[in-house]
C-alpha atoms as a PDB file:
ATOM      1  CA  MET A   1      87.593  80.437 128.583  1.00  0.00           C
ATOM      2  CA  THR A   2      86.564  83.957 127.523  1.00  0.00           C
ATOM      3  CA  THR A   3      86.266  85.337 123.999  1.00  0.00           C
ATOM      4  CA  LEU A   4      89.554  87.319 124.545  1.00  0.00           C
ATOM      5  CA  LYS A   5      91.427  84.196 125.496  1.00  0.00           C
ATOM      6  CA  ILE A   6      90.282  82.236 122.502  1.00  0.00           C
ATOM      7  CA  LEU A   7      91.139  85.375 120.316  1.00  0.00           C
ATOM      8  CA  LYS A   8      94.643  85.434 121.676  1.00  0.00           C
ATOM      9  CA  TYR A   9      95.023  81.817 120.782  1.00  0.00           C
ATOM     10  CA  VAL A  10      93.743  82.190 117.185  1.00  0.00           C
ATOM     11  CA  VAL A  11      95.978  85.251 116.647  1.00  0.00           C
ATOM     12  CA  TYR A  12      99.070  83.387 118.028  1.00  0.00           C
ATOM     13  CA  ASP A  13      98.275  80.425 115.869  1.00  0.00           C
ATOM     14  CA  MET A  14      97.838  82.554 112.732  1.00  0.00           C
ATOM     15  CA  LEU A  15     101.119  84.450 113.345  1.00  0.00           C
ATOM     16  CA  ARG A  16     102.886  81.103 113.366  1.00  0.00           C
ATOM     17  CA  SER A  17     101.414  80.310 109.976  1.00  0.00           C
ATOM     18  CA  ARG A  18     103.836  80.479 107.074  1.00  0.00           C
ATOM     19  CA  MET A  19     101.045  81.606 104.842  1.00  0.00           C
ATOM     20  CA  ILE A  20     100.775  84.918 106.878  1.00  0.00           C
ATOM     21  CA  ILE A  21     104.525  85.460 106.649  1.00  0.00           C
ATOM     22  CA  VAL A  22     104.651  84.760 102.915  1.00  0.00           C
ATOM     23  CA  TYR A  23     101.526  87.011 102.281  1.00  0.00           C
ATOM     24  CA  THR A  24     103.257  89.912 104.140  1.00  0.00           C
ATOM     25  CA  VAL A  25     106.595  89.636 102.655  1.00  0.00           C
ATOM     26  CA  LEU A  26     105.025  89.143  99.094  1.00  0.00           C
ATOM     27  CA  LEU A  27     102.968  92.282  99.493  1.00  0.00           C
ATOM     28  CA  PHE A  28     106.100  94.185 100.755  1.00  0.00           C
ATOM     29  CA  LEU A  29     108.181  93.119  97.797  1.00  0.00           C
ATOM     30  CA  ILE A  30     105.356  93.921  95.327  1.00  0.00           C
ATOM     31  CA  SER A  31     104.818  97.428  96.856  1.00  0.00           C
ATOM     32  CA  PHE A  32     108.531  98.221  97.225  1.00  0.00           C
ATOM     33  CA  GLY A  33     109.223  96.909  93.696  1.00  0.00           C
ATOM     34  CA  ILE A  34     106.584  99.071  92.072  1.00  0.00           C
ATOM     35  CA  ILE A  35     107.661 102.166  93.880  1.00  0.00           C
ATOM     36  CA  TYR A  36     111.319 101.585  93.320  1.00  0.00           C
ATOM     37  CA  THR A  37     110.751 100.934  89.565  1.00  0.00           C
ATOM     38  CA  GLY A  38     108.429 103.822  89.027  1.00  0.00           C
ATOM     39  CA  LYS A  39     110.282 106.349  91.260  1.00  0.00           C
ATOM     40  CA  ASP A  40     106.984 107.815  92.416  1.00  0.00           C
ATOM     41  CA  ALA A  41     105.078 106.545  95.315  1.00  0.00           C
ATOM     42  CA  SER A  42     101.850 108.378  94.473  1.00  0.00           C
ATOM     43  CA  LYS A  43     101.770 106.820  91.013  1.00  0.00           C
ATOM     44  CA  ALA A  44     102.456 103.380  92.378  1.00  0.00           C
ATOM     45  CA  VAL A  45      99.066 103.343  94.081  1.00  0.00           C
ATOM     46  CA  ILE A  46      97.363 102.883  90.627  1.00  0.00           C
ATOM     47  CA  SER A  47      99.487  99.721  90.124  1.00  0.00           C
ATOM     48  CA  LEU A  48      98.807  98.528  93.758  1.00  0.00           C
ATOM     49  CA  LEU A  49      95.187  98.904  93.052  1.00  0.00           C
ATOM     50  CA  ASN A  50      94.970  95.655  91.221  1.00  0.00           C
ATOM     51  CA  VAL A  51      96.705  93.945  94.088  1.00  0.00           C
ATOM     52  CA  VAL A  52      94.043  95.254  96.535  1.00  0.00           C
ATOM     53  CA  LEU A  53      91.148  94.420  94.269  1.00  0.00           C
ATOM     54  CA  LEU A  54      92.245  90.861  93.202  1.00  0.00           C
ATOM     55  CA  ILE A  55      94.901  89.457  95.454  1.00  0.00           C
ATOM     56  CA  VAL A  56      93.641  90.617  98.877  1.00  0.00           C
ATOM     57  CA  PRO A  57      89.988  89.373  98.421  1.00  0.00           C
ATOM     58  CA  LEU A  58      91.338  86.068  96.879  1.00  0.00           C
ATOM     59  CA  VAL A  59      93.810  85.387  99.743  1.00  0.00           C
ATOM     60  CA  SER A  60      91.228  86.424 102.303  1.00  0.00           C
ATOM     61  CA  ILE A  61      88.416  84.266 101.135  1.00  0.00           C
ATOM     62  CA  ILE A  62      90.446  81.055 100.313  1.00  0.00           C
ATOM     63  CA  PHE A  63      92.896  81.325 103.456  1.00  0.00           C
ATOM     64  CA  GLY A  64      89.795  82.151 105.569  1.00  0.00           C
ATOM     65  CA  THR A  65      87.864  79.022 104.159  1.00  0.00           C
ATOM     66  CA  ILE A  66      90.862  76.652 104.751  1.00  0.00           C
ATOM     67  CA  HIS A  67      91.356  78.189 108.285  1.00  0.00           C
ATOM     68  CA  PHE A  68      87.884  77.511 109.313  1.00  0.00           C
ATOM     69  CA  TYR A  69      87.876  73.844 108.145  1.00  0.00           C
ATOM     70  CA  ASN A  70      91.249  73.288 109.733  1.00  0.00           C
ATOM     71  CA  SER A  71      89.990  74.648 113.096  1.00  0.00           C
ATOM     72  CA  ARG A  72      86.951  72.428 113.318  1.00  0.00           C
ATOM     73  CA  GLU A  73      88.696  70.091 115.821  1.00  0.00           C
ATOM     74  CA  PHE A  74      89.608  72.979 117.933  1.00  0.00           C
ATOM     75  CA  MET A  75      86.184  74.361 117.809  1.00  0.00           C
ATOM     76  CA  GLU A  76      84.619  71.011 118.647  1.00  0.00           C
ATOM     77  CA  MET A  77      86.927  70.806 121.716  1.00  0.00           C
ATOM     78  CA  VAL A  78      86.125  74.288 122.856  1.00  0.00           C
ATOM     79  CA  LEU A  79      82.370  73.558 122.391  1.00  0.00           C
ATOM     80  CA  ALA A  80      82.653  70.881 124.952  1.00  0.00           C
ATOM     81  CA  MET A  81      83.399  73.606 127.516  1.00  0.00           C
ATOM     82  CA  PRO A  82      80.975  76.038 129.062  1.00  0.00           C
ATOM     83  CA  VAL A  83      81.655  78.616 126.248  1.00  0.00           C
ATOM     84  CA  GLU A  84      78.885  80.213 124.132  1.00  0.00           C
ATOM     85  CA  ARG A  85      79.022  79.448 120.388  1.00  0.00           C
ATOM     86  CA  LYS A  86      78.938  83.086 119.436  1.00  0.00           C
ATOM     87  CA  ASN A  87      82.130  83.775 121.515  1.00  0.00           C
ATOM     88  CA  ILE A  88      84.017  80.955 119.690  1.00  0.00           C
ATOM     89  CA  PHE A  89      82.826  82.280 116.238  1.00  0.00           C
ATOM     90  CA  TRP A  90      83.748  85.954 116.803  1.00  0.00           C
ATOM     91  CA  ALA A  91      87.168  85.004 118.242  1.00  0.00           C
ATOM     92  CA  GLU A  92      87.838  82.903 115.223  1.00  0.00           C
ATOM     93  CA  TYR A  93      86.538  85.592 112.812  1.00  0.00           C
ATOM     94  CA  ALA A  94      88.306  88.464 114.555  1.00  0.00           C
ATOM     95  CA  GLY A  95      91.530  86.550 114.872  1.00  0.00           C
ATOM     96  CA  LEU A  96      91.666  85.686 111.189  1.00  0.00           C
ATOM     97  CA  SER A  97      90.471  89.092 109.879  1.00  0.00           C
ATOM     98  CA  LEU A  98      92.786  91.171 112.151  1.00  0.00           C
ATOM     99  CA  THR A  99      95.886  89.082 111.348  1.00  0.00           C
ATOM    100  CA  LEU A 100      95.244  89.215 107.582  1.00  0.00           C
ATOM    101  CA  ALA A 101      94.507  92.816 107.670  1.00  0.00           C
ATOM    102  CA  GLY A 102      97.646  93.532 109.756  1.00  0.00           C
ATOM    103  CA  GLY A 103      99.835  91.604 107.208  1.00  0.00           C
ATOM    104  CA  PHE A 104      98.249  93.522 104.334  1.00  0.00           C
ATOM    105  CA  THR A 105      98.769  96.870 106.143  1.00  0.00           C
ATOM    106  CA  LEU A 106     102.340  96.168 107.016  1.00  0.00           C
ATOM    107  CA  GLY A 107     103.310  94.513 103.733  1.00  0.00           C
ATOM    108  CA  ALA A 108     101.676  97.014 101.401  1.00  0.00           C
ATOM    109  CA  GLY A 109     101.594 100.053 103.522  1.00  0.00           C
ATOM    110  CA  LEU A 110     105.239 100.227 104.891  1.00  0.00           C
ATOM    111  CA  PRO A 111     106.920 101.043 101.553  1.00  0.00           C
ATOM    112  CA  LEU A 112     104.174 103.523 100.631  1.00  0.00           C
ATOM    113  CA  PHE A 113     104.591 105.584 103.869  1.00  0.00           C
ATOM    114  CA  ILE A 114     108.396 105.440 103.790  1.00  0.00           C
ATOM    115  CA  TYR A 115     108.315 106.921 100.382  1.00  0.00           C
ATOM    116  CA  GLY A 116     105.488 109.343 101.302  1.00  0.00           C
ATOM    117  CA  ALA A 117     102.567 108.297  99.078  1.00  0.00           C
ATOM    118  CA  GLY A 118     100.206 110.545 100.985  1.00  0.00           C
ATOM    119  CA  GLU A 119      96.377 110.592 101.375  1.00  0.00           C
ATOM    120  CA  THR A 120      95.813 108.246  98.386  1.00  0.00           C
ATOM    121  CA  ALA A 121      97.832 105.470 100.033  1.00  0.00           C
ATOM    122  CA  PHE A 122      95.616 105.775 103.214  1.00  0.00           C
ATOM    123  CA  TYR A 123      92.433 105.234 101.293  1.00  0.00           C
ATOM    124  CA  LEU A 124      94.185 102.370  99.471  1.00  0.00           C
ATOM    125  CA  LEU A 125      95.083 100.624 102.669  1.00  0.00           C
ATOM    126  CA  LEU A 126      91.600 101.447 104.327  1.00  0.00           C
ATOM    127  CA  SER A 127      89.902  99.798 101.235  1.00  0.00           C
ATOM    128  CA  GLY A 128      92.228  96.620 101.539  1.00  0.00           C
ATOM    129  CA  VAL A 129      91.476  96.276 105.236  1.00  0.00           C
ATOM    130  CA  MET A 130      87.721  96.599 104.614  1.00  0.00           C
ATOM    131  CA  LEU A 131      87.845  94.055 101.795  1.00  0.00           C
ATOM    132  CA  THR A 132      89.844  91.703 104.035  1.00  0.00           C
ATOM    133  CA  PHE A 133      87.009  91.746 106.600  1.00  0.00           C
ATOM    134  CA  VAL A 134      84.363  91.491 103.866  1.00  0.00           C
ATOM    135  CA  PHE A 135      85.914  88.358 102.193  1.00  0.00           C
ATOM    136  CA  CYS A 136      86.823  86.740 105.614  1.00  0.00           C
ATOM    137  CA  GLY A 137      83.108  87.003 106.478  1.00  0.00           C
ATOM    138  CA  LEU A 138      82.125  85.455 103.054  1.00  0.00           C
ATOM    139  CA  ALA A 139      84.636  82.645 103.662  1.00  0.00           C
ATOM    140  CA  PHE A 140      83.053  81.833 107.000  1.00  0.00           C
ATOM    141  CA  LEU A 141      79.670  81.997 105.502  1.00  0.00           C
ATOM    142  CA  GLY A 142      80.565  79.347 102.869  1.00  0.00           C
ATOM    143  CA  SER A 143      82.256  77.273 105.475  1.00  0.00           C
ATOM    144  CA  VAL A 144      79.265  76.995 107.780  1.00  0.00           C
ATOM    145  CA  ILE A 145      76.838  76.317 104.885  1.00  0.00           C
ATOM    146  CA  TYR A 146      78.937  73.499 103.414  1.00  0.00           C
ATOM    147  CA  LYS A 147      80.268  70.706 105.597  1.00  0.00           C
ATOM    148  CA  ASP A 148      82.458  69.372 102.824  1.00  0.00           C
ATOM    149  CA  LYS A 149      85.767  71.189 102.410  1.00  0.00           C
ATOM    150  CA  ALA A 150      85.864  70.976  98.676  1.00  0.00           C
ATOM    151  CA  LYS A 151      82.463  72.491  98.314  1.00  0.00           C
ATOM    152  CA  GLY A 152      83.292  75.259 100.745  1.00  0.00           C
ATOM    153  CA  ILE A 153      86.448  76.243  98.689  1.00  0.00           C
ATOM    154  CA  GLY A 154      84.429  75.947  95.362  1.00  0.00           C
ATOM    155  CA  PHE A 155      81.888  78.385  96.926  1.00  0.00           C
ATOM    156  CA  SER A 156      84.630  80.780  97.838  1.00  0.00           C
ATOM    157  CA  LEU A 157      86.249  80.616  94.441  1.00  0.00           C
ATOM    158  CA  VAL A 158      82.843  81.268  92.815  1.00  0.00           C
ATOM    159  CA  VAL A 159      82.118  84.285  95.011  1.00  0.00           C
ATOM    160  CA  TRP A 160      85.464  85.816  94.404  1.00  0.00           C
ATOM    161  CA  PHE A 161      85.264  85.220  90.654  1.00  0.00           C
ATOM    162  CA  TYR A 162      81.759  86.648  90.367  1.00  0.00           C
ATOM    163  CA  MET A 163      82.765  89.906  92.414  1.00  0.00           C
ATOM    164  CA  ALA A 164      86.172  90.419  90.883  1.00  0.00           C
ATOM    165  CA  VAL A 165      85.376  89.486  87.184  1.00  0.00           C
ATOM    166  CA  ILE A 166      81.744  88.624  86.318  1.00  0.00           C
ATOM    167  CA  PHE A 167      80.098  91.611  88.097  1.00  0.00           C
ATOM    168  CA  ASP A 168      82.013  94.095  86.053  1.00  0.00           C
ATOM    169  CA  ALA A 169      81.101  92.197  82.722  1.00  0.00           C
ATOM    170  CA  LEU A 170      77.442  92.310  83.643  1.00  0.00           C
ATOM    171  CA  VAL A 171      77.610  96.073  84.637  1.00  0.00           C
ATOM    172  CA  LEU A 172      79.437  96.778  81.295  1.00  0.00           C
ATOM    173  CA  ALA A 173      76.809  94.882  79.316  1.00  0.00           C
ATOM    174  CA  GLY A 174      74.130  96.787  81.090  1.00  0.00           C
ATOM    175  CA  TYR A 175      75.799 100.139  80.127  1.00  0.00           C
ATOM    176  CA  PHE A 176      75.841  99.194  76.496  1.00  0.00           C
ATOM    177  CA  ALA A 177      72.282  98.028  76.660  1.00  0.00           C
ATOM    178  CA  PHE A 178      70.982 101.273  78.316  1.00  0.00           C
ATOM    179  CA  SER A 179      73.535 103.736  76.910  1.00  0.00           C
ATOM    180  CA  GLN A 180      70.953 106.177  75.728  1.00  0.00           C
ATOM    181  CA  TYR A 181      69.728 106.777  79.293  1.00  0.00           C
ATOM    182  CA  PRO A 182      71.425 108.740  82.005  1.00  0.00           C
ATOM    183  CA  LEU A 183      73.254 106.250  84.220  1.00  0.00           C
ATOM    184  CA  GLU A 184      74.920 108.443  86.811  1.00  0.00           C
ATOM    185  CA  LYS A 185      72.457 107.588  89.611  1.00  0.00           C
ATOM    186  CA  ALA A 186      72.307 103.957  88.678  1.00  0.00           C
ATOM    187  CA  THR A 187      76.031 103.699  88.739  1.00  0.00           C
ATOM    188  CA  ILE A 188      76.059 104.958  92.323  1.00  0.00           C
ATOM    189  CA  VAL A 189      73.481 102.463  93.336  1.00  0.00           C
ATOM    190  CA  VAL A 190      75.040  99.465  91.460  1.00  0.00           C
ATOM    191  CA  SER A 191      78.506 100.267  92.923  1.00  0.00           C
ATOM    192  CA  ALA A 192      77.136  99.469  96.442  1.00  0.00           C
ATOM    193  CA  LEU A 193      76.231  95.949  95.320  1.00  0.00           C
ATOM    194  CA  ASN A 194      79.844  94.833  95.063  1.00  0.00           C
ATOM    195  CA  PRO A 195      82.520  95.797  97.664  1.00  0.00           C
ATOM    196  CA  VAL A 196      85.270  95.348  95.120  1.00  0.00           C
ATOM    197  CA  ASP A 197      83.705  97.799  92.750  1.00  0.00           C
ATOM    198  CA  LEU A 198      82.948 100.214  95.583  1.00  0.00           C
ATOM    199  CA  ALA A 199      86.570 100.152  96.724  1.00  0.00           C
ATOM    200  CA  ARG A 200      87.789 100.584  93.139  1.00  0.00           C
ATOM    201  CA  ILE A 201      85.611 103.826  92.494  1.00  0.00           C
ATOM    202  CA  MET A 202      86.672 105.225  95.908  1.00  0.00           C
ATOM    203  CA  ILE A 203      90.476 104.844  95.076  1.00  0.00           C
ATOM    204  CA  LEU A 204      90.297 105.949  91.442  1.00  0.00           C
ATOM    205  CA  LEU A 205      88.263 109.061  92.305  1.00  0.00           C
ATOM    206  CA  LYS A 206      90.704 110.032  95.108  1.00  0.00           C
ATOM    207  CA  MET A 207      93.406 109.870  92.439  1.00  0.00           C
ATOM    208  CA  ASP A 208      91.698 112.557  90.261  1.00  0.00           C
ATOM    209  CA  VAL A 209      91.357 110.196  87.177  1.00  0.00           C
ATOM    210  CA  SER A 210      87.707 110.634  86.893  1.00  0.00           C
ATOM    211  CA  ALA A 211      88.159 112.776  83.868  1.00  0.00           C
ATOM    212  CA  LEU A 212      89.130 109.475  82.036  1.00  0.00           C
ATOM    213  CA  MET A 213      85.630 108.149  82.904  1.00  0.00           C
ATOM    214  CA  GLY A 214      83.794 110.887  81.071  1.00  0.00           C
ATOM    215  CA  TYR A 215      80.589 112.652  82.302  1.00  0.00           C
ATOM    216  CA  THR A 216      79.722 109.651  84.440  1.00  0.00           C
ATOM    217  CA  GLY A 217      83.168 109.908  86.050  1.00  0.00           C
ATOM    218  CA  ALA A 218      82.553 113.668  86.845  1.00  0.00           C
ATOM    219  CA  SER A 219      79.141 112.744  88.398  1.00  0.00           C
ATOM    220  CA  LEU A 220      80.819 110.068  90.548  1.00  0.00           C
ATOM    221  CA  GLN A 221      83.540 112.529  91.566  1.00  0.00           C
ATOM    222  CA  GLN A 222      80.995 115.018  92.621  1.00  0.00           C
ATOM    223  CA  PHE A 223      79.097 112.403  94.757  1.00  0.00           C
ATOM    224  CA  PHE A 224      81.890 110.261  96.157  1.00  0.00           C
ATOM    225  CA  GLY A 225      84.102 113.330  96.726  1.00  0.00           C
ATOM    226  CA  SER A 226      81.521 114.912  99.005  1.00  0.00           C
ATOM    227  CA  GLY A 227      81.084 114.169 102.759  1.00  0.00           C
ATOM    228  CA  PHE A 228      77.950 112.289 102.156  1.00  0.00           C
ATOM    229  CA  GLY A 229      79.518 110.216  99.388  1.00  0.00           C
ATOM    230  CA  MET A 230      82.322 109.213 101.672  1.00  0.00           C
ATOM    231  CA  LEU A 231      79.691 108.212 104.382  1.00  0.00           C
ATOM    232  CA  TYR A 232      77.731 106.298 101.719  1.00  0.00           C
ATOM    233  CA  SER A 233      80.813 104.393 100.714  1.00  0.00           C
ATOM    234  CA  ALA A 234      81.898 103.637 104.385  1.00  0.00           C
ATOM    235  CA  VAL A 235      78.443 102.511 105.418  1.00  0.00           C
ATOM    236  CA  PHE A 236      78.062  99.992 102.576  1.00  0.00           C
ATOM    237  CA  LEU A 237      81.571  98.665 103.138  1.00  0.00           C
ATOM    238  CA  MET A 238      80.797  98.164 106.780  1.00  0.00           C
ATOM    239  CA  LEU A 239      77.460  96.458 105.877  1.00  0.00           C
ATOM    240  CA  TRP A 240      79.424  94.169 103.450  1.00  0.00           C
ATOM    241  CA  ALA A 241      81.772  93.378 106.313  1.00  0.00           C
ATOM    242  CA  ALA A 242      79.055  92.891 108.907  1.00  0.00           C
ATOM    243  CA  LEU A 243      76.117  91.046 107.004  1.00  0.00           C
ATOM    244  CA  PRO A 244      78.038  87.921 105.856  1.00  0.00           C
ATOM    245  CA  ALA A 245      79.734  87.554 109.322  1.00  0.00           C
ATOM    246  CA  LEU A 246      76.249  87.870 111.089  1.00  0.00           C
ATOM    247  CA  ALA A 247      74.761  85.434 108.658  1.00  0.00           C
ATOM    248  CA  ALA A 248      77.522  82.960 109.287  1.00  0.00           C
ATOM    249  CA  ARG A 249      77.295  83.348 112.993  1.00  0.00           C
ATOM    250  CA  ARG A 250      73.493  82.672 112.895  1.00  0.00           C
ATOM    251  CA  ILE A 251      74.066  79.479 110.945  1.00  0.00           C
ATOM    252  CA  PHE A 252      77.108  78.439 113.169  1.00  0.00           C
ATOM    253  CA  ASN A 253      74.910  78.767 116.277  1.00  0.00           C
ATOM    254  CA  ARG A 254      72.538  76.190 115.008  1.00  0.00           C
ATOM    255  CA  LYS A 255      74.825  73.924 113.131  1.00  0.00           C
ATOM    256  CA  ASN A 256      75.939  70.562 114.465  1.00  0.00           C
ATOM    257  CA  PHE A 257      79.534  69.678 113.726  1.00  0.00           C
END
């Protein structure tokens, strides 16, 4: 049984899940409802930003954690066959991530492109897809660390809450504490420490709202709006997607079920 065969089975099993269907339909209704109410697809992106930064990471990390624990018996069965552990892990990770990313793109993206949202919508969808891979990797990391399902879900909730809420509070407190110092370069560095924050800055600056962020926003616009800034953002988002998954695979290869 090759990695591709396992991947096909995982994707097929995911597509039969009601959760994926509900997730896609819910995103479609939210996206379509916001555009229809506001009568402007480009302005609807700012409202959908909260969906991308909160709902997508939450669904990805919680559903990914539950999926891993529910797939334990299947993985144990496949491990009894002459199949390498890394092939099982990557098939499970890719099947989960691709299915959730596809559901997000179809649900949130279809109304945007029907109404012609433009370049900003592309960056919104790209950020959502990258966050899906990031938090699926974090979900698998917590799942291989904790054998108990409750602890694994608790770990996932703590990680999501930290990145979505607590991190911003800590950064804001730091800005107040060191407001007398120039923080433009520090802001660029700190943004890379949280994929949610990095995605938020990328989308907001593409919407030309950096003027609302004062001098710091202008500096961020100058950096992230450049080719090097986009490369910087892409590299760190890919690192956030790769490192948790690689760490999880390393533990998975050593772990006894």
